[in-house]
C-alpha atoms as a PDB file:
ATOM      1  CA  MET A   1      76.430  83.999 102.883  1.00  0.00           C
ATOM      2  CA  VAL A   2      77.699  83.034 106.473  1.00  0.00           C
ATOM      3  CA  ASP A   3      76.013  80.369 108.760  1.00  0.00           C
ATOM      4  CA  GLY A   4      73.711  82.222 110.871  1.00  0.00           C
ATOM      5  CA  VAL A   5      73.312  85.291 108.488  1.00  0.00           C
ATOM      6  CA  THR A   6      70.934  85.061 105.526  1.00  0.00           C
ATOM      7  CA  TRP A   7      69.192  86.983 103.072  1.00  0.00           C
ATOM      8  CA  THR A   8      66.795  86.726 100.281  1.00  0.00           C
ATOM      9  CA  LEU A   9      65.336  89.225  97.494  1.00  0.00           C
ATOM     10  CA  GLU A  10      61.220  88.991  96.741  1.00  0.00           C
ATOM     11  CA  GLY A  11      59.282  91.579  95.231  1.00  0.00           C
ATOM     12  CA  GLY A  12      61.850  94.270  95.812  1.00  0.00           C
ATOM     13  CA  VAL A  13      62.176  93.468  99.490  1.00  0.00           C
ATOM     14  CA  TYR A  14      65.246  92.306 101.046  1.00  0.00           C
ATOM     15  CA  GLU A  15      64.660  90.167 104.233  1.00  0.00           C
ATOM     16  CA  LEU A  16      67.605  89.811 106.425  1.00  0.00           C
ATOM     17  CA  THR A  17      67.551  86.617 108.668  1.00  0.00           C
ATOM     18  CA  LEU A  18      69.412  86.169 112.026  1.00  0.00           C
ATOM     19  CA  ALA A  19      69.843  82.717 113.392  1.00  0.00           C
ATOM     20  CA  ARG A  20      72.911  82.364 115.820  1.00  0.00           C
ATOM     21  CA  PRO A  21      71.817  80.775 118.814  1.00  0.00           C
ATOM     22  CA  PRO A  22      71.600  81.580 121.793  1.00  0.00           C
ATOM     23  CA  CYS A  23      70.256  85.271 120.510  1.00  0.00           C
ATOM     24  CA  ASN A  24      72.090  86.554 117.897  1.00  0.00           C
ATOM     25  CA  GLU A  25      75.088  87.739 119.567  1.00  0.00           C
ATOM     26  CA  ILE A  26      77.276  90.049 117.593  1.00  0.00           C
ATOM     27  CA  GLY A  27      81.058  88.700 117.272  1.00  0.00           C
ATOM     28  CA  THR A  28      83.042  88.373 114.620  1.00  0.00           C
ATOM     29  CA  ALA A  29      81.010  85.576 112.455  1.00  0.00           C
ATOM     30  CA  THR A  30      78.093  88.032 113.023  1.00  0.00           C
ATOM     31  CA  LEU A  31      79.780  90.742 111.771  1.00  0.00           C
ATOM     32  CA  ALA A  32      81.321  89.187 108.976  1.00  0.00           C
ATOM     33  CA  GLY A  33      78.066  87.761 107.382  1.00  0.00           C
ATOM     34  CA  LEU A  34      76.395  91.451 107.864  1.00  0.00           C
ATOM     35  CA  GLU A  35      79.765  92.758 105.883  1.00  0.00           C
ATOM     36  CA  GLN A  36      78.739  89.942 103.066  1.00  0.00           C
ATOM     37  CA  PHE A  37      75.063  91.037 103.033  1.00  0.00           C
ATOM     38  CA  LEU A  38      76.137  94.821 102.891  1.00  0.00           C
ATOM     39  CA  ASP A  39      78.567  93.791  99.839  1.00  0.00           C
ATOM     40  CA  ALA A  40      76.186  91.543  98.249  1.00  0.00           C
ATOM     41  CA  ILE A  41      73.162  93.648  97.744  1.00  0.00           C
ATOM     42  CA  ALA A  42      71.514  95.511  94.698  1.00  0.00           C
ATOM     43  CA  VAL A  43      69.983  98.407  95.693  1.00  0.00           C
ATOM     44  CA  ASP A  44      68.717  98.977  92.554  1.00  0.00           C
ATOM     45  CA  ASP A  45      66.682  95.779  92.807  1.00  0.00           C
ATOM     46  CA  ALA A  46      64.923  96.977  95.671  1.00  0.00           C
ATOM     47  CA  HIS A  47      62.950  99.606  97.908  1.00  0.00           C
ATOM     48  CA  ALA A  48      62.933  98.160 101.616  1.00  0.00           C
ATOM     49  CA  LEU A  49      65.293  95.405 103.771  1.00  0.00           C
ATOM     50  CA  ILE A  50      63.490  93.951 106.824  1.00  0.00           C
ATOM     51  CA  ILE A  51      66.195  93.149 109.829  1.00  0.00           C
ATOM     52  CA  ARG A  52      64.390  89.946 111.803  1.00  0.00           C
ATOM     53  CA  SER A  53      65.335  86.791 114.267  1.00  0.00           C
ATOM     54  CA  ALA A  54      64.849  83.408 113.731  1.00  0.00           C
ATOM     55  CA  VAL A  55      66.017  82.728 117.072  1.00  0.00           C
ATOM     56  CA  ARG A  56      63.244  81.916 119.671  1.00  0.00           C
ATOM     57  CA  GLY A  57      65.011  83.929 122.411  1.00  0.00           C
ATOM     58  CA  GLY A  58      64.652  87.394 120.446  1.00  0.00           C
ATOM     59  CA  PHE A  59      66.365  89.989 117.987  1.00  0.00           C
ATOM     60  CA  CYS A  60      69.690  90.136 119.676  1.00  0.00           C
ATOM     61  CA  ALA A  61      71.574  90.206 123.361  1.00  0.00           C
ATOM     62  CA  GLY A  62      74.147  92.442 122.331  1.00  0.00           C
ATOM     63  CA  ALA A  63      77.995  92.013 121.482  1.00  0.00           C
ATOM     64  CA  ASP A  64      79.308  87.847 121.783  1.00  0.00           C
ATOM     65  CA  LEU A  65      80.688  88.622 125.447  1.00  0.00           C
ATOM     66  CA  ARG A  66      82.052  85.051 125.480  1.00  0.00           C
ATOM     67  CA  GLU A  67      84.255  85.421 122.251  1.00  0.00           C
ATOM     68  CA  LEU A  68      85.153  89.208 123.841  1.00  0.00           C
ATOM     69  CA  HIS A  69      86.229  87.216 127.002  1.00  0.00           C
ATOM     70  CA  ALA A  70      88.424  84.713 125.158  1.00  0.00           C
ATOM     71  CA  GLY A  71      89.908  87.153 122.898  1.00  0.00           C
ATOM     72  CA  LEU A  72      91.063  89.631 126.089  1.00  0.00           C
ATOM     73  CA  VAL A  73      92.418  86.605 127.989  1.00  0.00           C
ATOM     74  CA  ALA A  74      94.484  85.483 125.138  1.00  0.00           C
ATOM     75  CA  THR A  75      95.645  88.934 124.370  1.00  0.00           C
ATOM     76  CA  PRO A  76      98.637  90.473 125.970  1.00  0.00           C
ATOM     77  CA  GLU A  77      97.082  93.717 127.628  1.00  0.00           C
ATOM     78  CA  ALA A  78      99.371  95.795 125.184  1.00  0.00           C
ATOM     79  CA  GLU A  79      97.809  94.650 122.630  1.00  0.00           C
ATOM     80  CA  ALA A  80      93.901  95.002 123.544  1.00  0.00           C
ATOM     81  CA  ALA A  81      93.076  98.090 122.857  1.00  0.00           C
ATOM     82  CA  PRO A  82      94.171  98.401 119.000  1.00  0.00           C
ATOM     83  CA  GLN A  83      92.517  94.780 118.770  1.00  0.00           C
ATOM     84  CA  LEU A  84      89.580  96.075 120.401  1.00  0.00           C
ATOM     85  CA  ALA A  85      89.612  99.603 118.333  1.00  0.00           C
ATOM     86  CA  ALA A  86      89.753  97.635 114.991  1.00  0.00           C
ATOM     87  CA  PHE A  87      86.655  95.202 115.855  1.00  0.00           C
ATOM     88  CA  LEU A  88      85.125  98.458 116.876  1.00  0.00           C
ATOM     89  CA  ASP A  89      85.851  99.979 113.725  1.00  0.00           C
ATOM     90  CA  ARG A  90      84.540  97.378 111.864  1.00  0.00           C
ATOM     91  CA  ILE A  91      81.362  97.610 113.758  1.00  0.00           C
ATOM     92  CA  HIS A  92      80.857 101.135 113.078  1.00  0.00           C
ATOM     93  CA  ALA A  93      81.072 101.164 109.533  1.00  0.00           C
ATOM     94  CA  VAL A  94      78.287  98.074 109.124  1.00  0.00           C
ATOM     95  CA  MET A  95      76.084 100.060 111.101  1.00  0.00           C
ATOM     96  CA  ASP A  96      77.185 103.396 109.345  1.00  0.00           C
ATOM     97  CA  ARG A  97      76.053 101.236 105.863  1.00  0.00           C
ATOM     98  CA  LEU A  98      73.046 100.187 107.359  1.00  0.00           C
ATOM     99  CA  ASP A  99      72.073 103.616 108.633  1.00  0.00           C
ATOM    100  CA  THR A 100      72.077 105.312 105.310  1.00  0.00           C
ATOM    101  CA  LEU A 101      71.270 102.285 102.697  1.00  0.00           C
ATOM    102  CA  PRO A 102      69.144 103.923 100.013  1.00  0.00           C
ATOM    103  CA  LEU A 103      66.165 101.342 101.053  1.00  0.00           C
ATOM    104  CA  THR A 104      63.510 101.715 104.066  1.00  0.00           C
ATOM    105  CA  THR A 105      64.820  99.592 106.725  1.00  0.00           C
ATOM    106  CA  ILE A 106      62.372  97.583 109.194  1.00  0.00           C
ATOM    107  CA  ALA A 107      63.429  96.258 111.995  1.00  0.00           C
ATOM    108  CA  VAL A 108      61.153  93.679 113.512  1.00  0.00           C
ATOM    109  CA  ILE A 109      61.905  92.221 117.333  1.00  0.00           C
ATOM    110  CA  HIS A 110      60.555  89.903 119.793  1.00  0.00           C
ATOM    111  CA  GLY A 111      62.041  89.247 122.854  1.00  0.00           C
ATOM    112  CA  VAL A 112      65.455  90.329 123.597  1.00  0.00           C
ATOM    113  CA  CYS A 113      66.677  93.382 121.953  1.00  0.00           C
ATOM    114  CA  PHE A 114      69.807  94.638 124.518  1.00  0.00           C
ATOM    115  CA  GLY A 115      72.821  96.445 124.311  1.00  0.00           C
ATOM    116  CA  GLY A 116      74.630  96.183 120.885  1.00  0.00           C
ATOM    117  CA  GLY A 117      71.664  94.685 119.311  1.00  0.00           C
ATOM    118  CA  LEU A 118      69.495  97.929 120.362  1.00  0.00           C
ATOM    119  CA  GLU A 119      72.030  99.243 119.063  1.00  0.00           C
ATOM    120  CA  LEU A 120      71.507  96.853 115.454  1.00  0.00           C
ATOM    121  CA  ALA A 121      67.235  98.112 115.716  1.00  0.00           C
ATOM    122  CA  LEU A 122      68.497 101.634 116.047  1.00  0.00           C
ATOM    123  CA  THR A 123      70.153 101.781 112.616  1.00  0.00           C
ATOM    124  CA  ALA A 124      66.719 100.727 110.931  1.00  0.00           C
ATOM    125  CA  ASP A 125      64.119 103.722 110.129  1.00  0.00           C
ATOM    126  CA  VAL A 126      61.331 101.871 111.352  1.00  0.00           C
ATOM    127  CA  ARG A 127      60.923  99.354 113.919  1.00  0.00           C
ATOM    128  CA  ILE A 128      57.841  96.871 115.005  1.00  0.00           C
ATOM    129  CA  ALA A 129      58.363  95.122 118.131  1.00  0.00           C
ATOM    130  CA  GLU A 130      56.143  92.195 119.169  1.00  0.00           C
ATOM    131  CA  LYS A 131      54.685  92.240 122.814  1.00  0.00           C
ATOM    132  CA  THR A 132      57.632  90.002 123.802  1.00  0.00           C
ATOM    133  CA  ALA A 133      60.194  92.506 123.246  1.00  0.00           C
ATOM    134  CA  ARG A 134      62.176  94.076 125.905  1.00  0.00           C
ATOM    135  CA  PHE A 135      64.783  97.255 125.334  1.00  0.00           C
ATOM    136  CA  GLY A 136      67.573  97.879 127.461  1.00  0.00           C
ATOM    137  CA  PHE A 137      71.482  99.298 127.622  1.00  0.00           C
ATOM    138  CA  PRO A 138      72.893  97.100 130.290  1.00  0.00           C
ATOM    139  CA  GLU A 139      76.754  98.092 129.531  1.00  0.00           C
ATOM    140  CA  LEU A 140      77.232  99.697 132.616  1.00  0.00           C
ATOM    141  CA  ARG A 141      77.282  96.380 134.512  1.00  0.00           C
ATOM    142  CA  LEU A 142      80.333  95.514 132.315  1.00  0.00           C
ATOM    143  CA  GLY A 143      82.275  98.708 133.578  1.00  0.00           C
ATOM    144  CA  VAL A 144      81.775 100.417 129.510  1.00  0.00           C
ATOM    145  CA  ILE A 145      79.023 102.306 128.210  1.00  0.00           C
ATOM    146  CA  PRO A 146      77.460 101.456 124.767  1.00  0.00           C
ATOM    147  CA  GLY A 147      80.134 101.265 121.753  1.00  0.00           C
ATOM    148  CA  PHE A 148      78.102 100.011 118.625  1.00  0.00           C
ATOM    149  CA  GLY A 149      76.865 103.718 118.332  1.00  0.00           C
ATOM    150  CA  GLY A 150      73.544 103.197 120.126  1.00  0.00           C
ATOM    151  CA  VAL A 151      73.357 106.216 122.382  1.00  0.00           C
ATOM    152  CA  PRO A 152      74.177 108.941 119.581  1.00  0.00           C
ATOM    153  CA  ARG A 153      71.189 107.222 117.492  1.00  0.00           C
ATOM    154  CA  MET A 154      68.728 107.207 120.080  1.00  0.00           C
ATOM    155  CA  ARG A 155      69.277 110.837 120.909  1.00  0.00           C
ATOM    156  CA  ARG A 156      69.098 111.435 117.352  1.00  0.00           C
ATOM    157  CA  GLU A 157      65.702 109.554 117.275  1.00  0.00           C
ATOM    158  CA  LEU A 158      64.317 110.843 120.948  1.00  0.00           C
ATOM    159  CA  GLY A 159      66.147 113.161 122.700  1.00  0.00           C
ATOM    160  CA  ASP A 160      68.169 112.571 126.183  1.00  0.00           C
ATOM    161  CA  ALA A 161      65.558 111.297 128.290  1.00  0.00           C
ATOM    162  CA  LEU A 162      65.066 107.407 127.434  1.00  0.00           C
ATOM    163  CA  PRO A 163      68.947 106.846 126.704  1.00  0.00           C
ATOM    164  CA  ARG A 164      69.906 108.446 129.721  1.00  0.00           C
ATOM    165  CA  ASP A 165      67.333 106.255 131.537  1.00  0.00           C
ATOM    166  CA  LEU A 166      68.045 103.053 130.005  1.00  0.00           C
ATOM    167  CA  LEU A 167      71.919 103.685 130.454  1.00  0.00           C
ATOM    168  CA  LEU A 168      71.972 105.135 133.841  1.00  0.00           C
ATOM    169  CA  THR A 169      69.231 102.722 135.515  1.00  0.00           C
ATOM    170  CA  GLY A 170      70.120  99.636 133.554  1.00  0.00           C
ATOM    171  CA  ARG A 171      66.590  99.024 133.858  1.00  0.00           C
ATOM    172  CA  THR A 172      64.563  97.870 130.579  1.00  0.00           C
ATOM    173  CA  ILE A 173      61.153  98.735 128.887  1.00  0.00           C
ATOM    174  CA  ASN A 174      59.030  96.742 127.130  1.00  0.00           C
ATOM    175  CA  ALA A 175      57.094  96.881 123.751  1.00  0.00           C
ATOM    176  CA  LYS A 176      54.079  98.957 124.952  1.00  0.00           C
ATOM    177  CA  ARG A 177      56.445 101.434 126.774  1.00  0.00           C
ATOM    178  CA  ALA A 178      58.442 101.523 123.780  1.00  0.00           C
ATOM    179  CA  HIS A 179      56.074 102.318 121.551  1.00  0.00           C
ATOM    180  CA  GLY A 180      54.700 104.733 124.129  1.00  0.00           C
ATOM    181  CA  VAL A 181      57.989 106.986 124.007  1.00  0.00           C
ATOM    182  CA  GLY A 182      58.243 106.196 119.979  1.00  0.00           C
ATOM    183  CA  LEU A 183      61.462 104.017 120.222  1.00  0.00           C
ATOM    184  CA  VAL A 184      58.999 101.444 117.907  1.00  0.00           C
ATOM    185  CA  SER A 185      56.448 102.772 115.580  1.00  0.00           C
ATOM    186  CA  GLN A 186      54.090  99.839 116.176  1.00  0.00           C
ATOM    187  CA  CYS A 187      53.244  96.979 118.886  1.00  0.00           C
ATOM    188  CA  VAL A 188      52.127  93.638 117.005  1.00  0.00           C
ATOM    189  CA  PRO A 189      50.756  90.282 119.251  1.00  0.00           C
ATOM    190  CA  THR A 190      53.153  87.834 119.165  1.00  0.00           C
ATOM    191  CA  GLY A 191      54.142  86.014 115.946  1.00  0.00           C
ATOM    192  CA  GLU A 192      52.645  89.134 113.650  1.00  0.00           C
ATOM    193  CA  GLY A 193      55.719  91.121 113.303  1.00  0.00           C
ATOM    194  CA  LEU A 194      57.067  89.539 110.257  1.00  0.00           C
ATOM    195  CA  VAL A 195      53.326  90.082 108.392  1.00  0.00           C
ATOM    196  CA  ALA A 196      53.231  93.749 109.720  1.00  0.00           C
ATOM    197  CA  ALA A 197      56.837  94.388 108.338  1.00  0.00           C
ATOM    198  CA  ARG A 198      55.766  92.618 104.853  1.00  0.00           C
ATOM    199  CA  ALA A 199      52.746  94.862 104.757  1.00  0.00           C
ATOM    200  CA  LEU A 200      54.624  98.050 105.479  1.00  0.00           C
ATOM    201  CA  ALA A 201      57.314  97.440 102.696  1.00  0.00           C
ATOM    202  CA  ALA A 202      54.727  96.699 100.296  1.00  0.00           C
ATOM    203  CA  GLN A 203      53.478 100.149 100.896  1.00  0.00           C
ATOM    204  CA  ILE A 204      56.879 101.399 101.023  1.00  0.00           C
ATOM    205  CA  GLY A 205      57.016  99.881  97.351  1.00  0.00           C
ATOM    206  CA  LYS A 206      54.035 102.593  96.009  1.00  0.00           C
ATOM    207  CA  PHE A 207      56.428 105.603  96.554  1.00  0.00           C
ATOM    208  CA  ASP A 208      58.372 107.267  94.091  1.00  0.00           C
ATOM    209  CA  PRO A 209      61.630 105.715  94.436  1.00  0.00           C
ATOM    210  CA  VAL A 210      63.717 108.980  94.008  1.00  0.00           C
ATOM    211  CA  ALA A 211      61.546 110.816  96.964  1.00  0.00           C
ATOM    212  CA  ARG A 212      61.877 107.900  98.982  1.00  0.00           C
ATOM    213  CA  VAL A 213      65.417 108.319  98.914  1.00  0.00           C
ATOM    214  CA  ALA A 214      65.427 111.951  99.217  1.00  0.00           C
ATOM    215  CA  ALA A 215      63.193 112.188 102.185  1.00  0.00           C
ATOM    216  CA  LYS A 216      65.914 109.215 104.080  1.00  0.00           C
ATOM    217  CA  ARG A 217      68.549 111.269 103.183  1.00  0.00           C
ATOM    218  CA  PHE A 218      66.945 114.974 104.306  1.00  0.00           C
ATOM    219  CA  LEU A 219      65.464 113.325 107.881  1.00  0.00           C
ATOM    220  CA  LYS A 220      68.074 110.683 108.687  1.00  0.00           C
ATOM    221  CA  VAL A 221      71.495 112.694 109.446  1.00  0.00           C
ATOM    222  CA  ILE A 222      74.403 110.766 111.143  1.00  0.00           C
ATOM    223  CA  PRO A 223      75.791 112.040 114.190  1.00  0.00           C
ATOM    224  CA  VAL A 224      79.365 111.713 112.579  1.00  0.00           C
ATOM    225  CA  GLU A 225      80.834 113.437 115.891  1.00  0.00           C
ATOM    226  CA  GLU A 226      78.996 111.874 118.709  1.00  0.00           C
ATOM    227  CA  LEU A 227      79.696 108.387 117.452  1.00  0.00           C
ATOM    228  CA  ALA A 228      83.727 109.186 117.402  1.00  0.00           C
ATOM    229  CA  ARG A 229      83.389 110.478 120.797  1.00  0.00           C
ATOM    230  CA  GLU A 230      81.032 107.507 121.945  1.00  0.00           C
ATOM    231  CA  LYS A 231      83.832 104.788 120.774  1.00  0.00           C
ATOM    232  CA  ARG A 232      87.064 106.924 122.212  1.00  0.00           C
ATOM    233  CA  LEU A 233      84.848 106.722 125.170  1.00  0.00           C
ATOM    234  CA  PHE A 234      83.974 103.247 125.241  1.00  0.00           C
ATOM    235  CA  LEU A 235      87.864 102.487 124.615  1.00  0.00           C
ATOM    236  CA  GLU A 236      88.512 104.160 127.426  1.00  0.00           C
ATOM    237  CA  LEU A 237      86.574 102.538 129.454  1.00  0.00           C
ATOM    238  CA  ALA A 238      87.309  98.860 127.637  1.00  0.00           C
ATOM    239  CA  VAL A 239      90.642  98.625 128.502  1.00  0.00           C
ATOM    240  CA  ARG A 240      90.061  98.752 132.465  1.00  0.00           C
ATOM    241  CA  PRO A 241      90.164  96.011 134.921  1.00  0.00           C
ATOM    242  CA  PRO A 242      86.205  95.991 135.423  1.00  0.00           C
ATOM    243  CA  LEU A 243      85.374  94.847 131.942  1.00  0.00           C
ATOM    244  CA  ARG A 244      87.342  91.546 132.834  1.00  0.00           C
ATOM    245  CA  ALA A 245      86.078  91.130 135.739  1.00  0.00           C
ATOM    246  CA  ALA A 246      82.852  91.445 134.768  1.00  0.00           C
ATOM    247  CA  LEU A 247      83.241  89.205 131.564  1.00  0.00           C
ATOM    248  CA  ASP A 248      84.785  86.637 134.054  1.00  0.00           C
ATOM    249  CA  ARG A 249      81.862  86.707 136.004  1.00  0.00           C
ATOM    250  CA  PHE A 250      79.765  86.425 132.881  1.00  0.00           C
ATOM    251  CA  VAL A 251      80.948  83.190 131.425  1.00  0.00           C
ATOM    252  CA  ARG A 252      81.391  81.104 134.859  1.00  0.00           C
ATOM    253  CA  SER A 253      77.617  82.249 134.920  1.00  0.00           C
ATOM    254  CA  GLN A 254      75.508  78.980 135.335  1.00  0.00           C
ATOM    255  CA  ASP A 255      72.141  80.806 134.456  1.00  0.00           C
ATOM    256  CA  VAL A 256      70.882  79.770 130.789  1.00  0.00           C
ATOM    257  CA  ARG A 257      70.551  83.435 129.778  1.00  0.00           C
ATOM    258  CA  PRO A 258      72.649  85.428 132.034  1.00  0.00           C
ATOM    259  CA  TYR A 259      72.464  88.136 129.591  1.00  0.00           C
ATOM    260  CA  LEU A 260      69.320  89.120 131.343  1.00  0.00           C
ATOM    261  CA  PRO A 261      69.318  91.864 134.286  1.00  0.00           C
END
């Protein structure tokens, strides 16, 4: 296991816990932890996966922008695009593996669920939000679009209207609104998300395993072509000066949580 990414298996249910302050930003360490988890799990021993955060601030604030800034500063401009592409390929591979696991996956969300964090949550089959949860795609503030597969997956789940609204306006929505539009299947009181997820996982364990896996494969088609287009567009935008300028502002910010809109 990697510090900040741990997992347990009990009663046929994996619990994958993110615990990397300040808010589980996805950088090389978190990515390595997710890769290790996916390499280690024994899917024949389980029927469900719960993805949760042990960080008070939220589920995940998105990409590790400080690490991205440091990498761009240290990398000659000609090498930046290939390095970003390689990292993005790893991210997409992890998201695709989570998306297609032969387990029913449940994301338990509280607090911040922005950018790459929302993209991670969108790989889950079921999302449970505590009332503190907030969702958004703030990437246009950085001069890019979401790059971890979130827009194609949200369009798969909900059509065009919500991803267009979140991305083009930069606004966030709360748990109640997310439940109303179908982004999450349950909205529960603060502190009760994990209880609800465990109860759901226990119910899932009663289903025929062959039918359960077949149903998921039938219902959840990976939008391969759209994911590839998203990745290409992200890379085209990411190598321009606006991203570096936005990251400079981010790392200079004195705000405790500068990722908040």
